[in-house]
Amino acid sequence: MKLHAECIPCILTVRYREVAKFKGDSPEAVKLMAEMARMLADSVNKGELATVAATRLFRFLKRQLGVEDLYAEEKKVADEKALKVV
C-alpha cells in the first residue's frame, strides 16, 4: 500500500502507544519518538510502502526497548478470556 499523508500520523500514533506502554512520558520516550519521526520522514522521501515503513519502525522500537513481543501481555489476557469461553 502506498504511503499516504494519513498514514504518517497513524504510524506514529501506534508507535507512540507502544513507547508509552514501556517508557511513559520519559526523556527516553521523547528521544525514541523523535528518532522514529526522522525514520518515517526518510521512508517518505524514499517512497517506501506504508507497510515497509511501519515494519521498519516497529522492528527499530523492539530493538531499542529490548522487548521481543511488545504485545505479550495483551495476548496473554486475550488467551485467558478465550479459554473461559471454551
N, C-alpha and C. Protein backbone atom coordinates (compact mmCIF):
# COMPACT_ATOMS: atom_id res chain seq x y z
N MET A 1 0.84 -1.17 0.00
CA MET A 1 0.00 0.00 0.00
C MET A 1 0.89 1.24 0.00
N LYS A 2 0.61 2.14 -0.89
CA LYS A 2 1.34 3.39 -0.99
C LYS A 2 1.22 4.18 0.32
N LEU A 3 2.28 4.86 0.68
CA LEU A 3 2.26 5.66 1.89
C LEU A 3 1.55 6.98 1.60
N HIS A 4 0.39 7.15 2.20
CA HIS A 4 -0.41 8.36 2.03
C HIS A 4 -0.17 9.31 3.20
N ALA A 5 -0.57 10.55 3.06
CA ALA A 5 -0.39 11.54 4.12
C ALA A 5 -1.04 11.07 5.43
N GLU A 6 -2.21 10.44 5.33
CA GLU A 6 -2.90 9.99 6.53
C GLU A 6 -2.17 8.85 7.24
N CYS A 7 -1.27 8.17 6.54
CA CYS A 7 -0.51 7.07 7.14
C CYS A 7 0.51 7.60 8.16
N ILE A 8 1.01 8.79 7.93
CA ILE A 8 2.08 9.33 8.78
C ILE A 8 1.64 9.46 10.24
N PRO A 9 0.56 10.19 10.54
CA PRO A 9 0.17 10.28 11.95
C PRO A 9 -0.31 8.94 12.52
N CYS A 10 -0.89 8.11 11.68
CA CYS A 10 -1.36 6.80 12.14
C CYS A 10 -0.18 5.94 12.60
N ILE A 11 0.84 5.84 11.77
CA ILE A 11 2.02 5.04 12.11
C ILE A 11 2.66 5.56 13.39
N LEU A 12 2.83 6.87 13.48
CA LEU A 12 3.46 7.45 14.68
C LEU A 12 2.59 7.28 15.92
N THR A 13 1.28 7.33 15.77
CA THR A 13 0.38 7.15 16.92
C THR A 13 0.47 5.73 17.47
N VAL A 14 0.50 4.76 16.58
CA VAL A 14 0.63 3.36 17.02
C VAL A 14 1.97 3.15 17.72
N ARG A 15 3.04 3.66 17.14
CA ARG A 15 4.35 3.52 17.76
C ARG A 15 4.39 4.26 19.10
N TYR A 16 3.71 5.42 19.18
CA TYR A 16 3.68 6.17 20.44
C TYR A 16 3.03 5.34 21.55
N ARG A 17 1.94 4.67 21.24
CA ARG A 17 1.27 3.84 22.25
C ARG A 17 2.22 2.78 22.80
N GLU A 18 3.02 2.21 21.91
CA GLU A 18 3.98 1.19 22.33
C GLU A 18 5.08 1.81 23.19
N VAL A 19 5.58 2.95 22.78
CA VAL A 19 6.61 3.64 23.57
C VAL A 19 6.06 3.99 24.95
N ALA A 20 4.88 4.57 24.99
CA ALA A 20 4.28 4.99 26.26
C ALA A 20 4.05 3.81 27.19
N LYS A 21 3.70 2.67 26.63
CA LYS A 21 3.47 1.47 27.44
C LYS A 21 4.72 1.08 28.22
N PHE A 22 5.88 1.23 27.60
CA PHE A 22 7.13 0.79 28.22
C PHE A 22 7.95 1.92 28.84
N LYS A 23 7.79 3.14 28.35
CA LYS A 23 8.65 4.25 28.81
C LYS A 23 7.88 5.43 29.37
N GLY A 24 6.56 5.40 29.32
CA GLY A 24 5.79 6.53 29.83
C GLY A 24 6.11 7.80 29.06
N ASP A 25 6.18 8.91 29.78
CA ASP A 25 6.49 10.20 29.16
C ASP A 25 7.89 10.65 29.55
N SER A 26 8.82 9.72 29.49
CA SER A 26 10.20 9.98 29.91
C SER A 26 11.00 10.66 28.80
N PRO A 27 12.16 11.21 29.15
CA PRO A 27 13.04 11.77 28.12
C PRO A 27 13.44 10.72 27.07
N GLU A 28 13.57 9.48 27.50
CA GLU A 28 13.90 8.40 26.55
C GLU A 28 12.76 8.19 25.55
N ALA A 29 11.53 8.33 26.03
CA ALA A 29 10.37 8.20 25.14
C ALA A 29 10.38 9.30 24.09
N VAL A 30 10.70 10.51 24.50
CA VAL A 30 10.77 11.63 23.56
C VAL A 30 11.85 11.37 22.52
N LYS A 31 12.99 10.88 22.97
CA LYS A 31 14.10 10.58 22.05
C LYS A 31 13.70 9.50 21.04
N LEU A 32 13.04 8.45 21.52
CA LEU A 32 12.59 7.38 20.62
C LEU A 32 11.60 7.90 19.59
N MET A 33 10.65 8.71 20.04
CA MET A 33 9.65 9.25 19.11
C MET A 33 10.30 10.17 18.08
N ALA A 34 11.25 10.99 18.51
CA ALA A 34 11.93 11.89 17.57
C ALA A 34 12.69 11.08 16.52
N GLU A 35 13.36 10.03 16.96
CA GLU A 35 14.11 9.20 16.01
C GLU A 35 13.16 8.51 15.03
N MET A 36 12.04 8.02 15.52
CA MET A 36 11.09 7.36 14.62
C MET A 36 10.45 8.36 13.66
N ALA A 37 10.25 9.59 14.09
CA ALA A 37 9.74 10.62 13.18
C ALA A 37 10.74 10.88 12.06
N ARG A 38 12.03 10.92 12.41
CA ARG A 38 13.08 11.08 11.39
C ARG A 38 13.10 9.89 10.43
N MET A 39 12.99 8.70 11.00
CA MET A 39 12.99 7.49 10.17
C MET A 39 11.80 7.48 9.22
N LEU A 40 10.64 7.90 9.72
CA LEU A 40 9.44 7.92 8.88
C LEU A 40 9.57 8.96 7.77
N ALA A 41 10.15 10.11 8.10
CA ALA A 41 10.38 11.13 7.06
C ALA A 41 11.31 10.57 5.98
N ASP A 42 12.30 9.81 6.39
CA ASP A 42 13.22 9.17 5.44
C ASP A 42 12.46 8.18 4.56
N SER A 43 11.55 7.43 5.16
CA SER A 43 10.73 6.48 4.40
C SER A 43 9.89 7.19 3.36
N VAL A 44 9.32 8.33 3.74
CA VAL A 44 8.51 9.12 2.81
C VAL A 44 9.39 9.58 1.65
N ASN A 45 10.56 10.10 1.96
CA ASN A 45 11.47 10.59 0.92
C ASN A 45 11.94 9.49 -0.02
N LYS A 46 12.04 8.27 0.49
CA LYS A 46 12.46 7.13 -0.33
C LYS A 46 11.30 6.53 -1.12
N GLY A 47 10.08 6.95 -0.81
CA GLY A 47 8.91 6.40 -1.49
C GLY A 47 8.55 5.00 -1.03
N GLU A 48 8.90 4.66 0.20
CA GLU A 48 8.60 3.32 0.72
C GLU A 48 7.09 3.11 0.85
N LEU A 49 6.69 1.87 0.80
CA LEU A 49 5.31 1.49 1.06
C LEU A 49 5.00 1.70 2.54
N ALA A 50 3.75 1.95 2.86
CA ALA A 50 3.34 2.17 4.25
C ALA A 50 3.70 0.98 5.13
N THR A 51 3.48 -0.22 4.62
CA THR A 51 3.76 -1.42 5.41
C THR A 51 5.25 -1.58 5.68
N VAL A 52 6.07 -1.23 4.71
CA VAL A 52 7.52 -1.32 4.88
C VAL A 52 7.98 -0.32 5.95
N ALA A 53 7.49 0.91 5.85
CA ALA A 53 7.86 1.95 6.81
C ALA A 53 7.41 1.57 8.22
N ALA A 54 6.18 1.12 8.36
CA ALA A 54 5.65 0.77 9.67
C ALA A 54 6.43 -0.40 10.28
N THR A 55 6.76 -1.38 9.47
CA THR A 55 7.51 -2.54 9.95
C THR A 55 8.91 -2.13 10.38
N ARG A 56 9.53 -1.26 9.61
CA ARG A 56 10.89 -0.80 9.95
C ARG A 56 10.88 -0.10 11.32
N LEU A 57 9.90 0.75 11.56
CA LEU A 57 9.81 1.45 12.84
C LEU A 57 9.50 0.47 13.98
N PHE A 58 8.63 -0.50 13.72
CA PHE A 58 8.28 -1.49 14.73
C PHE A 58 9.51 -2.29 15.15
N ARG A 59 10.28 -2.74 14.19
CA ARG A 59 11.49 -3.52 14.50
C ARG A 59 12.53 -2.67 15.22
N PHE A 60 12.67 -1.41 14.81
CA PHE A 60 13.58 -0.48 15.49
C PHE A 60 13.17 -0.35 16.96
N LEU A 61 11.89 -0.15 17.20
CA LEU A 61 11.41 0.04 18.56
C LEU A 61 11.63 -1.21 19.41
N LYS A 62 11.37 -2.38 18.86
CA LYS A 62 11.62 -3.62 19.60
C LYS A 62 13.08 -3.72 20.01
N ARG A 63 13.98 -3.39 19.10
CA ARG A 63 15.42 -3.43 19.41
C ARG A 63 15.77 -2.42 20.50
N GLN A 64 15.27 -1.22 20.37
CA GLN A 64 15.60 -0.17 21.32
C GLN A 64 15.06 -0.47 22.72
N LEU A 65 13.88 -1.06 22.78
CA LEU A 65 13.28 -1.39 24.07
C LEU A 65 13.81 -2.70 24.64
N GLY A 66 14.41 -3.53 23.78
CA GLY A 66 14.89 -4.82 24.22
C GLY A 66 13.76 -5.78 24.55
N VAL A 67 12.65 -5.62 23.83
CA VAL A 67 11.46 -6.44 24.07
C VAL A 67 11.13 -7.18 22.78
N GLU A 68 11.07 -8.49 22.86
CA GLU A 68 10.80 -9.29 21.66
C GLU A 68 9.34 -9.17 21.21
N ASP A 69 8.42 -9.20 22.17
CA ASP A 69 7.00 -9.15 21.83
C ASP A 69 6.34 -8.00 22.59
N LEU A 70 6.10 -6.91 21.91
CA LEU A 70 5.52 -5.72 22.55
C LEU A 70 4.08 -5.95 23.01
N TYR A 71 3.46 -7.00 22.51
CA TYR A 71 2.05 -7.27 22.83
C TYR A 71 1.87 -8.57 23.62
N ALA A 72 2.91 -9.04 24.28
CA ALA A 72 2.84 -10.31 25.02
C ALA A 72 1.74 -10.29 26.08
N GLU A 73 1.65 -9.20 26.84
CA GLU A 73 0.64 -9.13 27.91
C GLU A 73 -0.77 -9.13 27.33
N GLU A 74 -0.98 -8.38 26.26
CA GLU A 74 -2.30 -8.33 25.64
C GLU A 74 -2.70 -9.70 25.09
N LYS A 75 -1.74 -10.41 24.53
CA LYS A 75 -2.00 -11.76 24.01
C LYS A 75 -2.37 -12.72 25.13
N LYS A 76 -1.66 -12.60 26.25
CA LYS A 76 -1.93 -13.46 27.40
C LYS A 76 -3.36 -13.24 27.91
N VAL A 77 -3.75 -11.99 28.05
CA VAL A 77 -5.11 -11.66 28.52
C VAL A 77 -6.15 -12.18 27.53
N ALA A 78 -5.91 -11.99 26.24
CA ALA A 78 -6.85 -12.47 25.22
C ALA A 78 -6.98 -13.99 25.26
N ASP A 79 -5.86 -14.68 25.42
CA ASP A 79 -5.89 -16.14 25.52
C ASP A 79 -6.69 -16.60 26.74
N GLU A 80 -6.48 -15.93 27.88
CA GLU A 80 -7.20 -16.29 29.09
C GLU A 80 -8.71 -16.10 28.91
N LYS A 81 -9.10 -15.01 28.28
CA LYS A 81 -10.52 -14.75 28.03
C LYS A 81 -11.09 -15.79 27.07
N ALA A 82 -10.33 -16.14 26.05
CA ALA A 82 -10.80 -17.14 25.08
C ALA A 82 -10.98 -18.50 25.74
N LEU A 83 -10.08 -18.86 26.64
CA LEU A 83 -10.18 -20.15 27.32
C LEU A 83 -11.40 -20.22 28.23
N LYS A 84 -11.84 -19.09 28.75
CA LYS A 84 -13.04 -19.07 29.59
C LYS A 84 -14.30 -19.34 28.77
N VAL A 85 -14.26 -19.00 27.50
CA VAL A 85 -15.41 -19.19 26.61
C VAL A 85 -15.52 -20.65 26.18
N VAL A 86 -14.39 -21.29 26.05
CA VAL A 86 -14.35 -22.67 25.55
C VAL A 86 -14.84 -23.65 26.57
